[in-house]
Amino acid sequence: MIRSTRTHRPPTDVIELADKILVLVEIAGMQTEDLNISLHEKRLTISGRRKKPEHHQAAYHQLEIGFGDFKVELDLPWTIEKDDVTATYEAGLLAVELPRKTSRTIPIVDVSGDA
């Protein structure tokens, strides 16, 4: 029996756009409840577990697909608008959109009465 205790890292693309960072993780064969995404400061962590299918009395000739625990950790180049982060999982591709936090213009109120 072949056993593997190592974690794997799925293929990941990080794309910087003018107003957001787009992170794409190729991780087929999962359910959304098996995925975890967390954002702390400017560090994004995506983790989960892909379950290995059971094949009784099988002889494996080639093993390339990673199963078990995985973790992707990324340091982001700028502060993120945390309330607007979105994640979608479709056809084996997890897409996380992290919008850039914009600076806010603060209006100055003239209280001197001069107009």
N, C-alpha and C. Protein backbone atom coordinates (compact mmCIF):
# COMPACT_ATOMS: atom_id res chain seq x y z
N MET A 1 0.85 -1.18 0.00
CA MET A 1 0.00 0.00 0.00
C MET A 1 0.89 1.24 0.00
N ILE A 2 0.54 2.22 -0.81
CA ILE A 2 1.29 3.47 -0.89
C ILE A 2 0.63 4.48 0.03
N ARG A 3 1.43 5.09 0.90
CA ARG A 3 0.92 6.12 1.80
C ARG A 3 1.76 7.38 1.62
N SER A 4 1.10 8.49 1.69
CA SER A 4 1.80 9.76 1.59
C SER A 4 1.29 10.69 2.69
N THR A 5 2.22 11.25 3.45
CA THR A 5 1.84 12.17 4.52
C THR A 5 2.21 13.60 4.16
N ARG A 6 2.79 13.80 3.01
CA ARG A 6 3.20 15.15 2.63
C ARG A 6 2.00 15.98 2.18
N THR A 7 2.08 17.27 2.41
CA THR A 7 1.04 18.16 1.90
C THR A 7 1.41 18.53 0.48
N HIS A 8 0.44 18.90 -0.27
CA HIS A 8 0.71 19.32 -1.65
C HIS A 8 0.29 20.77 -1.83
N ARG A 9 0.81 21.39 -2.84
CA ARG A 9 0.47 22.77 -3.16
C ARG A 9 -0.10 22.79 -4.56
N PRO A 10 -1.39 23.11 -4.68
CA PRO A 10 -2.01 23.13 -6.00
C PRO A 10 -1.48 24.30 -6.83
N PRO A 11 -1.52 24.19 -8.16
CA PRO A 11 -1.08 25.30 -9.02
C PRO A 11 -1.88 26.56 -8.70
N THR A 12 -1.17 27.67 -8.54
CA THR A 12 -1.79 28.93 -8.12
C THR A 12 -1.28 30.08 -8.98
N ASP A 13 -2.20 30.91 -9.47
CA ASP A 13 -1.85 32.13 -10.20
C ASP A 13 -2.26 33.32 -9.36
N VAL A 14 -1.41 34.33 -9.29
CA VAL A 14 -1.73 35.58 -8.61
C VAL A 14 -1.60 36.68 -9.66
N ILE A 15 -2.71 37.36 -9.91
CA ILE A 15 -2.77 38.36 -10.98
C ILE A 15 -3.10 39.71 -10.36
N GLU A 16 -2.22 40.68 -10.57
CA GLU A 16 -2.44 42.03 -10.04
C GLU A 16 -3.08 42.89 -11.13
N LEU A 17 -4.27 43.38 -10.83
CA LEU A 17 -4.98 44.29 -11.72
C LEU A 17 -4.98 45.68 -11.08
N ALA A 18 -5.46 46.68 -11.77
CA ALA A 18 -5.43 48.05 -11.26
C ALA A 18 -6.19 48.20 -9.95
N ASP A 19 -7.31 47.50 -9.81
CA ASP A 19 -8.16 47.70 -8.64
C ASP A 19 -8.30 46.48 -7.73
N LYS A 20 -7.64 45.36 -8.09
CA LYS A 20 -7.77 44.15 -7.28
C LYS A 20 -6.65 43.17 -7.57
N ILE A 21 -6.55 42.21 -6.67
CA ILE A 21 -5.69 41.04 -6.87
C ILE A 21 -6.63 39.87 -7.13
N LEU A 22 -6.34 39.09 -8.14
CA LEU A 22 -7.11 37.90 -8.46
C LEU A 22 -6.22 36.69 -8.21
N VAL A 23 -6.68 35.79 -7.35
CA VAL A 23 -5.94 34.57 -7.04
C VAL A 23 -6.74 33.39 -7.59
N LEU A 24 -6.10 32.59 -8.43
CA LEU A 24 -6.73 31.41 -9.03
C LEU A 24 -5.99 30.18 -8.54
N VAL A 25 -6.73 29.22 -7.98
CA VAL A 25 -6.14 27.98 -7.48
C VAL A 25 -6.83 26.82 -8.19
N GLU A 26 -6.03 25.99 -8.86
CA GLU A 26 -6.56 24.83 -9.56
C GLU A 26 -6.62 23.66 -8.58
N ILE A 27 -7.82 23.34 -8.14
CA ILE A 27 -7.99 22.29 -7.13
C ILE A 27 -9.30 21.55 -7.40
N ALA A 28 -9.26 20.68 -8.38
CA ALA A 28 -10.45 19.93 -8.80
C ALA A 28 -10.81 18.85 -7.79
N GLY A 29 -12.05 18.41 -7.87
CA GLY A 29 -12.50 17.30 -7.06
C GLY A 29 -12.79 17.63 -5.62
N MET A 30 -13.14 18.87 -5.34
CA MET A 30 -13.40 19.29 -3.96
C MET A 30 -14.82 19.81 -3.83
N GLN A 31 -15.27 19.91 -2.60
CA GLN A 31 -16.53 20.55 -2.27
C GLN A 31 -16.19 21.86 -1.57
N THR A 32 -17.05 22.84 -1.69
CA THR A 32 -16.76 24.15 -1.07
C THR A 32 -16.57 24.03 0.43
N GLU A 33 -17.24 23.09 1.07
CA GLU A 33 -17.09 22.95 2.52
C GLU A 33 -15.72 22.36 2.91
N ASP A 34 -14.96 21.86 1.93
CA ASP A 34 -13.61 21.34 2.20
C ASP A 34 -12.54 22.40 2.04
N LEU A 35 -12.94 23.63 1.69
CA LEU A 35 -12.00 24.73 1.45
C LEU A 35 -12.10 25.76 2.58
N ASN A 36 -10.97 26.34 2.96
CA ASN A 36 -10.92 27.40 3.97
C ASN A 36 -10.11 28.56 3.41
N ILE A 37 -10.66 29.76 3.56
CA ILE A 37 -9.96 30.97 3.10
C ILE A 37 -9.93 31.95 4.26
N SER A 38 -8.75 32.46 4.58
CA SER A 38 -8.66 33.47 5.63
C SER A 38 -7.74 34.60 5.18
N LEU A 39 -8.04 35.79 5.68
CA LEU A 39 -7.26 36.97 5.36
C LEU A 39 -6.94 37.67 6.66
N HIS A 40 -5.65 37.81 6.94
CA HIS A 40 -5.20 38.52 8.13
C HIS A 40 -4.18 39.56 7.69
N GLU A 41 -4.53 40.83 7.92
CA GLU A 41 -3.70 41.94 7.44
C GLU A 41 -3.54 41.80 5.93
N LYS A 42 -2.30 41.59 5.46
CA LYS A 42 -2.06 41.44 4.02
C LYS A 42 -1.61 40.01 3.68
N ARG A 43 -2.04 39.04 4.48
CA ARG A 43 -1.67 37.64 4.25
C ARG A 43 -2.93 36.81 3.99
N LEU A 44 -2.97 36.20 2.81
CA LEU A 44 -4.08 35.34 2.41
C LEU A 44 -3.65 33.88 2.58
N THR A 45 -4.51 33.10 3.21
CA THR A 45 -4.25 31.67 3.38
C THR A 45 -5.45 30.90 2.83
N ILE A 46 -5.16 29.97 1.94
CA ILE A 46 -6.17 29.07 1.38
C ILE A 46 -5.73 27.66 1.73
N SER A 47 -6.61 26.90 2.38
CA SER A 47 -6.24 25.55 2.77
C SER A 47 -7.44 24.63 2.61
N GLY A 48 -7.18 23.35 2.73
CA GLY A 48 -8.24 22.37 2.64
C GLY A 48 -7.70 20.97 2.60
N ARG A 49 -8.59 20.06 2.29
CA ARG A 49 -8.21 18.65 2.19
C ARG A 49 -8.96 18.03 1.03
N ARG A 50 -8.20 17.47 0.10
CA ARG A 50 -8.82 16.73 -1.00
C ARG A 50 -8.75 15.24 -0.65
N LYS A 51 -9.92 14.64 -0.56
CA LYS A 51 -10.00 13.24 -0.16
C LYS A 51 -9.58 12.31 -1.29
N LYS A 52 -8.81 11.32 -0.94
CA LYS A 52 -8.36 10.34 -1.93
C LYS A 52 -9.44 9.27 -2.10
N PRO A 53 -9.82 8.96 -3.32
CA PRO A 53 -10.82 7.91 -3.53
C PRO A 53 -10.26 6.54 -3.13
N GLU A 54 -11.12 5.72 -2.59
CA GLU A 54 -10.72 4.37 -2.16
C GLU A 54 -10.81 3.41 -3.34
N HIS A 55 -9.72 2.72 -3.57
CA HIS A 55 -9.69 1.67 -4.60
C HIS A 55 -9.14 0.41 -3.93
N HIS A 56 -9.98 -0.53 -3.66
CA HIS A 56 -9.57 -1.76 -2.98
C HIS A 56 -8.90 -2.72 -3.95
N GLN A 57 -7.86 -3.35 -3.51
CA GLN A 57 -7.09 -4.32 -4.29
C GLN A 57 -6.66 -3.75 -5.63
N ALA A 58 -6.10 -2.54 -5.58
CA ALA A 58 -5.66 -1.87 -6.81
C ALA A 58 -4.14 -1.85 -6.87
N ALA A 59 -3.60 -1.92 -8.05
CA ALA A 59 -2.16 -1.76 -8.28
C ALA A 59 -1.96 -0.41 -8.96
N TYR A 60 -1.31 0.50 -8.28
CA TYR A 60 -1.08 1.83 -8.84
C TYR A 60 0.16 1.80 -9.72
N HIS A 61 0.04 2.33 -10.93
CA HIS A 61 1.16 2.38 -11.86
C HIS A 61 1.73 3.79 -11.98
N GLN A 62 0.93 4.78 -11.68
CA GLN A 62 1.38 6.17 -11.77
C GLN A 62 0.56 6.99 -10.78
N LEU A 63 1.23 7.83 -9.96
CA LEU A 63 0.55 8.67 -8.99
C LEU A 63 1.06 10.10 -9.12
N GLU A 64 0.26 10.99 -9.67
CA GLU A 64 0.64 12.37 -9.82
C GLU A 64 -0.32 13.34 -9.16
N ILE A 65 -1.54 12.94 -8.90
CA ILE A 65 -2.55 13.81 -8.34
C ILE A 65 -2.33 13.92 -6.83
N GLY A 66 -2.25 15.15 -6.34
CA GLY A 66 -2.05 15.38 -4.92
C GLY A 66 -3.35 15.25 -4.14
N PHE A 67 -3.33 14.46 -3.09
CA PHE A 67 -4.47 14.29 -2.20
C PHE A 67 -4.03 14.63 -0.79
N GLY A 68 -5.01 14.84 0.07
CA GLY A 68 -4.71 15.15 1.45
C GLY A 68 -4.76 16.65 1.70
N ASP A 69 -4.04 17.08 2.72
CA ASP A 69 -4.04 18.49 3.10
C ASP A 69 -3.24 19.33 2.13
N PHE A 70 -3.69 20.56 1.93
CA PHE A 70 -2.91 21.52 1.15
C PHE A 70 -3.04 22.90 1.79
N LYS A 71 -2.07 23.74 1.49
CA LYS A 71 -2.10 25.11 2.00
C LYS A 71 -1.36 26.01 1.01
N VAL A 72 -1.99 27.14 0.70
CA VAL A 72 -1.39 28.18 -0.13
C VAL A 72 -1.37 29.44 0.72
N GLU A 73 -0.20 30.02 0.93
CA GLU A 73 -0.07 31.26 1.69
C GLU A 73 0.56 32.32 0.81
N LEU A 74 -0.07 33.49 0.78
CA LEU A 74 0.39 34.58 -0.08
C LEU A 74 0.46 35.87 0.72
N ASP A 75 1.55 36.61 0.52
CA ASP A 75 1.66 37.96 1.07
C ASP A 75 1.21 38.92 -0.03
N LEU A 76 0.21 39.72 0.27
CA LEU A 76 -0.38 40.62 -0.72
C LEU A 76 0.37 41.95 -0.74
N PRO A 77 0.45 42.60 -1.90
CA PRO A 77 1.25 43.82 -2.01
C PRO A 77 0.60 45.08 -1.44
N TRP A 78 -0.69 45.03 -1.15
CA TRP A 78 -1.35 46.21 -0.63
C TRP A 78 -2.48 45.81 0.32
N THR A 79 -3.03 46.78 1.02
CA THR A 79 -4.14 46.54 1.93
C THR A 79 -5.40 46.26 1.13
N ILE A 80 -6.19 45.32 1.64
CA ILE A 80 -7.38 44.83 0.94
C ILE A 80 -8.64 45.37 1.60
N GLU A 81 -9.65 45.65 0.77
CA GLU A 81 -10.98 46.03 1.26
C GLU A 81 -11.68 44.75 1.70
N LYS A 82 -11.51 44.38 2.96
CA LYS A 82 -11.92 43.05 3.47
C LYS A 82 -13.40 42.76 3.29
N ASP A 83 -14.25 43.76 3.41
CA ASP A 83 -15.69 43.51 3.29
C ASP A 83 -16.14 43.20 1.86
N ASP A 84 -15.27 43.44 0.88
CA ASP A 84 -15.64 43.23 -0.52
C ASP A 84 -14.94 42.04 -1.17
N VAL A 85 -14.23 41.23 -0.38
CA VAL A 85 -13.55 40.05 -0.92
C VAL A 85 -14.61 39.02 -1.32
N THR A 86 -14.43 38.41 -2.49
CA THR A 86 -15.34 37.37 -2.95
C THR A 86 -14.54 36.13 -3.36
N ALA A 87 -15.19 34.97 -3.26
CA ALA A 87 -14.56 33.72 -3.68
C ALA A 87 -15.61 32.87 -4.38
N THR A 88 -15.22 32.28 -5.52
CA THR A 88 -16.10 31.38 -6.25
C THR A 88 -15.32 30.11 -6.59
N TYR A 89 -16.03 29.00 -6.63
CA TYR A 89 -15.42 27.71 -6.98
C TYR A 89 -16.27 27.08 -8.07
N GLU A 90 -15.67 26.91 -9.24
CA GLU A 90 -16.42 26.36 -10.37
C GLU A 90 -15.47 25.58 -11.27
N ALA A 91 -15.90 24.39 -11.64
CA ALA A 91 -15.16 23.53 -12.57
C ALA A 91 -13.71 23.31 -12.13
N GLY A 92 -13.52 23.14 -10.81
CA GLY A 92 -12.19 22.84 -10.29
C GLY A 92 -11.28 24.03 -10.10
N LEU A 93 -11.80 25.23 -10.29
CA LEU A 93 -10.98 26.44 -10.17
C LEU A 93 -11.56 27.35 -9.09
N LEU A 94 -10.75 27.62 -8.07
CA LEU A 94 -11.13 28.55 -7.01
C LEU A 94 -10.61 29.93 -7.40
N ALA A 95 -11.50 30.92 -7.45
CA ALA A 95 -11.13 32.30 -7.78
C ALA A 95 -11.44 33.18 -6.59
N VAL A 96 -10.42 33.88 -6.08
CA VAL A 96 -10.58 34.80 -4.96
C VAL A 96 -10.25 36.19 -5.47
N GLU A 97 -11.20 37.12 -5.35
CA GLU A 97 -10.99 38.50 -5.77
C GLU A 97 -10.83 39.37 -4.53
N LEU A 98 -9.70 40.08 -4.48
CA LEU A 98 -9.34 40.89 -3.33
C LEU A 98 -9.19 42.35 -3.77
N PRO A 99 -10.24 43.16 -3.59
CA PRO A 99 -10.18 44.55 -4.06
C PRO A 99 -9.23 45.40 -3.22
N ARG A 100 -8.55 46.27 -3.92
CA ARG A 100 -7.61 47.19 -3.27
C ARG A 100 -8.38 48.17 -2.39
N LYS A 101 -7.86 48.40 -1.20
CA LYS A 101 -8.47 49.39 -0.32
C LYS A 101 -8.09 50.76 -0.83
N THR A 102 -9.09 51.57 -1.08
CA THR A 102 -8.84 52.91 -1.61
C THR A 102 -8.73 53.91 -0.48
N SER A 103 -7.93 54.93 -0.72
CA SER A 103 -7.85 55.99 0.28
C SER A 103 -9.09 56.87 0.13
N ARG A 104 -9.48 57.45 1.21
CA ARG A 104 -10.72 58.21 1.24
C ARG A 104 -10.37 59.69 1.36
N THR A 105 -11.04 60.54 0.60
CA THR A 105 -10.87 61.98 0.69
C THR A 105 -11.74 62.50 1.83
N ILE A 106 -11.15 63.27 2.70
CA ILE A 106 -11.87 63.80 3.84
C ILE A 106 -12.20 65.27 3.56
N PRO A 107 -13.48 65.60 3.51
CA PRO A 107 -13.85 66.98 3.21
C PRO A 107 -13.53 67.89 4.42
N ILE A 108 -13.16 69.10 4.12
CA ILE A 108 -12.87 70.08 5.17
C ILE A 108 -14.06 71.01 5.27
N VAL A 109 -14.58 71.16 6.46
CA VAL A 109 -15.74 71.99 6.70
C VAL A 109 -15.23 73.35 7.24
N ASP A 110 -15.68 74.42 6.60
CA ASP A 110 -15.29 75.77 7.02
C ASP A 110 -16.27 76.21 8.12
N VAL A 111 -15.77 76.32 9.33
CA VAL A 111 -16.61 76.69 10.46
C VAL A 111 -16.43 78.17 10.85
N SER A 112 -15.63 78.88 10.07
CA SER A 112 -15.37 80.28 10.43
C SER A 112 -16.53 81.19 10.05
N GLY A 113 -17.43 80.72 9.22
CA GLY A 113 -18.56 81.53 8.81
C GLY A 113 -18.29 82.35 7.58
N ASP A 114 -17.02 82.40 7.12
CA ASP A 114 -16.68 83.11 5.89
C ASP A 114 -17.10 82.27 4.70
N ALA A 115 -17.84 82.86 3.78
CA ALA A 115 -18.27 82.10 2.63
C ALA A 115 -17.90 82.77 1.36
